[in-house]
C-alpha atoms as a PDB file:
ATOM      1  CA  MET A   1      -0.038   0.099  -0.041  1.00  0.00           C
ATOM      2  CA  LYS A   2       2.922   2.165   0.685  1.00  0.00           C
ATOM      3  CA  GLU A   3       4.245   2.264  -3.032  1.00  0.00           C
ATOM      4  CA  GLU A   4       0.435   2.905  -4.075  1.00  0.00           C
ATOM      5  CA  ILE A   5       0.375   6.104  -1.974  1.00  0.00           C
ATOM      6  CA  GLU A   6       3.919   7.097  -3.134  1.00  0.00           C
ATOM      7  CA  TYR A   7       3.002   6.536  -6.702  1.00  0.00           C
ATOM      8  CA  PHE A   8      -0.236   8.717  -6.463  1.00  0.00           C
ATOM      9  CA  GLU A   9       1.586  11.288  -4.371  1.00  0.00           C
ATOM     10  CA  ARG A  10       4.013  11.667  -7.293  1.00  0.00           C
ATOM     11  CA  LEU A  11       1.393  11.702 -10.036  1.00  0.00           C
ATOM     12  CA  SER A  12      -0.648  14.334  -8.611  1.00  0.00           C
ATOM     13  CA  ALA A  13       2.441  16.508  -7.847  1.00  0.00           C
ATOM     14  CA  LEU A  14       1.734  16.418  -3.878  1.00  0.00           C
ATOM     15  CA  PHE A  15       4.154  16.231  -1.114  1.00  0.00           C
ATOM     16  CA  LEU A  16       2.619  14.526   1.789  1.00  0.00           C
ATOM     17  CA  SER A  17       3.996  14.075   5.484  1.00  0.00           C
ATOM     18  CA  LYS A  18       4.675  10.721   6.936  1.00  0.00           C
ATOM     19  CA  ASN A  19       1.559  11.401   8.849  1.00  0.00           C
ATOM     20  CA  GLU A  20      -0.595  12.356   5.954  1.00  0.00           C
ATOM     21  CA  LYS A  21       0.831   9.026   4.316  1.00  0.00           C
ATOM     22  CA  GLU A  22      -0.620   7.073   7.408  1.00  0.00           C
ATOM     23  CA  ILE A  23      -3.881   8.930   7.341  1.00  0.00           C
ATOM     24  CA  ILE A  24      -4.629   8.303   3.698  1.00  0.00           C
ATOM     25  CA  LYS A  25      -3.304   4.595   4.305  1.00  0.00           C
ATOM     26  CA  ARG A  26      -5.812   4.223   6.798  1.00  0.00           C
ATOM     27  CA  ASP A  27      -8.650   5.686   5.034  1.00  0.00           C
ATOM     28  CA  ILE A  28      -8.351   3.701   2.193  1.00  0.00           C
ATOM     29  CA  GLU A  29      -8.257   0.189   4.073  1.00  0.00           C
ATOM     30  CA  GLU A  30     -11.448   1.407   5.598  1.00  0.00           C
ATOM     31  CA  ILE A  31     -12.692   2.072   2.181  1.00  0.00           C
ATOM     32  CA  PHE A  32     -12.048  -1.403   0.912  1.00  0.00           C
ATOM     33  CA  ARG A  33     -13.279  -2.812   4.235  1.00  0.00           C
ATOM     34  CA  ALA A  34     -16.431  -1.148   3.495  1.00  0.00           C
ATOM     35  CA  PHE A  35     -16.629  -2.568  -0.456  1.00  0.00           C
ATOM     36  CA  GLU A  36     -15.565  -5.829   0.982  1.00  0.00           C
ATOM     37  CA  PHE A  37     -18.293  -5.947   3.537  1.00  0.00           C
ATOM     38  CA  LEU A  38     -21.024  -4.690   0.786  1.00  0.00           C
ATOM     39  CA  SER A  39     -19.709  -7.517  -1.426  1.00  0.00           C
ATOM     40  CA  SER A  40     -20.692  -9.639   1.125  1.00  0.00           C
ATOM     41  CA  LEU A  41     -24.402  -9.186   1.339  1.00  0.00           C
ATOM     42  CA  LYS A  42     -26.953 -11.258  -0.501  1.00  0.00           C
ATOM     43  CA  ILE A  43     -29.020  -9.229  -2.337  1.00  0.00           C
ATOM     44  CA  GLU A  44     -32.261 -10.950  -3.766  1.00  0.00           C
ATOM     45  CA  LYS A  45     -33.459  -8.074  -5.904  1.00  0.00           C
ATOM     46  CA  PRO A  46     -31.700  -5.147  -7.811  1.00  0.00           C
ATOM     47  CA  VAL A  47     -31.343  -1.972  -5.597  1.00  0.00           C
ATOM     48  CA  SER A  48     -32.122   1.625  -7.024  1.00  0.00           C
ATOM     49  CA  LEU A  49     -30.005   4.193  -5.924  1.00  0.00           C
ATOM     50  CA  HIS A  50     -32.408   6.486  -7.107  1.00  0.00           C
ATOM     51  CA  ALA A  51     -34.861   8.379  -4.551  1.00  0.00           C
ATOM     52  CA  VAL A  52     -37.746   7.909  -6.568  1.00  0.00           C
ATOM     53  CA  GLU A  53     -39.215   5.716  -9.344  1.00  0.00           C
ATOM     54  CA  ILE A  54     -37.221   6.342 -12.581  1.00  0.00           C
ATOM     55  CA  LYS A  55     -39.892   6.345 -15.524  1.00  0.00           C
ATOM     56  CA  ASN A  56     -40.099   7.360 -19.314  1.00  0.00           C
ATOM     57  CA  VAL A  57     -41.339  10.970 -19.167  1.00  0.00           C
ATOM     58  CA  LEU A  58     -40.959  11.514 -23.101  1.00  0.00           C
ATOM     59  CA  ARG A  59     -43.846  11.392 -25.098  1.00  0.00           C
ATOM     60  CA  GLU A  60     -44.307   9.150 -28.049  1.00  0.00           C
ATOM     61  CA  ASP A  61     -43.422  10.353 -31.659  1.00  0.00           C
ATOM     62  CA  LYS A  62     -46.164  11.090 -33.765  1.00  0.00           C
ATOM     63  CA  VAL A  63     -45.517  10.763 -37.485  1.00  0.00           C
ATOM     64  CA  LYS A  64     -46.889  13.480 -39.802  1.00  0.00           C
ATOM     65  CA  LYS A  65     -46.888  14.070 -43.365  1.00  0.00           C
ATOM     66  CA  ASN A  66     -44.177  16.748 -44.366  1.00  0.00           C
ATOM     67  CA  LYS A  67     -45.170  19.494 -46.407  1.00  0.00           C
ATOM     68  CA  ASP A  68     -43.141  19.725 -49.822  1.00  0.00           C
ATOM     69  CA  ALA A  69     -40.396  21.322 -49.506  1.00  0.00           C
ATOM     70  CA  VAL A  70     -40.567  22.853 -53.002  1.00  0.00           C
ATOM     71  CA  ASP A  71     -43.700  24.894 -51.889  1.00  0.00           C
ATOM     72  CA  PHE A  72     -41.687  26.489 -48.894  1.00  0.00           C
ATOM     73  CA  LEU A  73     -38.543  27.071 -51.325  1.00  0.00           C
ATOM     74  CA  LYS A  74     -40.761  28.918 -53.885  1.00  0.00           C
ATOM     75  CA  LYS A  75     -42.107  31.398 -51.663  1.00  0.00           C
ATOM     76  CA  SER A  76     -38.144  32.812 -51.314  1.00  0.00           C
ATOM     77  CA  ARG A  77     -37.424  35.430 -53.975  1.00  0.00           C
ATOM     78  CA  LEU A  78     -34.015  34.005 -54.353  1.00  0.00           C
ATOM     79  CA  TYR A  79     -35.525  30.427 -55.587  1.00  0.00           C
ATOM     80  CA  LYS A  80     -34.090  28.943 -58.767  1.00  0.00           C
ATOM     81  CA  ASP A  81     -34.065  25.233 -59.677  1.00  0.00           C
ATOM     82  CA  ARG A  82     -35.352  23.740 -56.155  1.00  0.00           C
ATOM     83  CA  TYR A  83     -32.511  25.808 -54.358  1.00  0.00           C
ATOM     84  CA  ILE A  84     -32.205  28.871 -52.720  1.00  0.00           C
ATOM     85  CA  LEU A  85     -29.367  31.059 -54.031  1.00  0.00           C
ATOM     86  CA  GLY A  86     -26.994  32.400 -51.324  1.00  0.00           C
ATOM     87  CA  PRO A  87     -24.255  34.469 -50.998  1.00  0.00           C
ATOM     88  CA  LYS A  88     -21.155  33.742 -53.316  1.00  0.00           C
ATOM     89  CA  THR A  89     -18.530  32.245 -50.598  1.00  0.00           C
ATOM     90  CA  VAL A  90     -15.540  31.356 -52.731  1.00  0.00           C
ATOM     91  CA  LEU A  91     -13.823  34.167 -53.676  1.00  0.00           C
ATOM     92  CA  GLU A  92     -11.706  33.853 -57.178  1.00  0.00           C
ATOM     93  CA  GLU A  93      -8.343  34.973 -57.709  1.00  0.00           C
END
């Protein structure tokens, strides 16, 4: 465990005192014990970590017939051959 703590100390560019390293070592060992305890529990059904039940709140998609795009294009004064003319974007040299 000592090597791992020193590795993370170098990786994070921290300079820990001997006392701080001992505190971190105890904290990590306590975390590992907690996970070992949780792993040892026999759970019969899945447990949700959400405080409320999660349900789909999105509405169903409704398919509608699109209007003909050409009708929209024709309303533009710059309509030509199924396109709308825009400003020139490529400069000629």
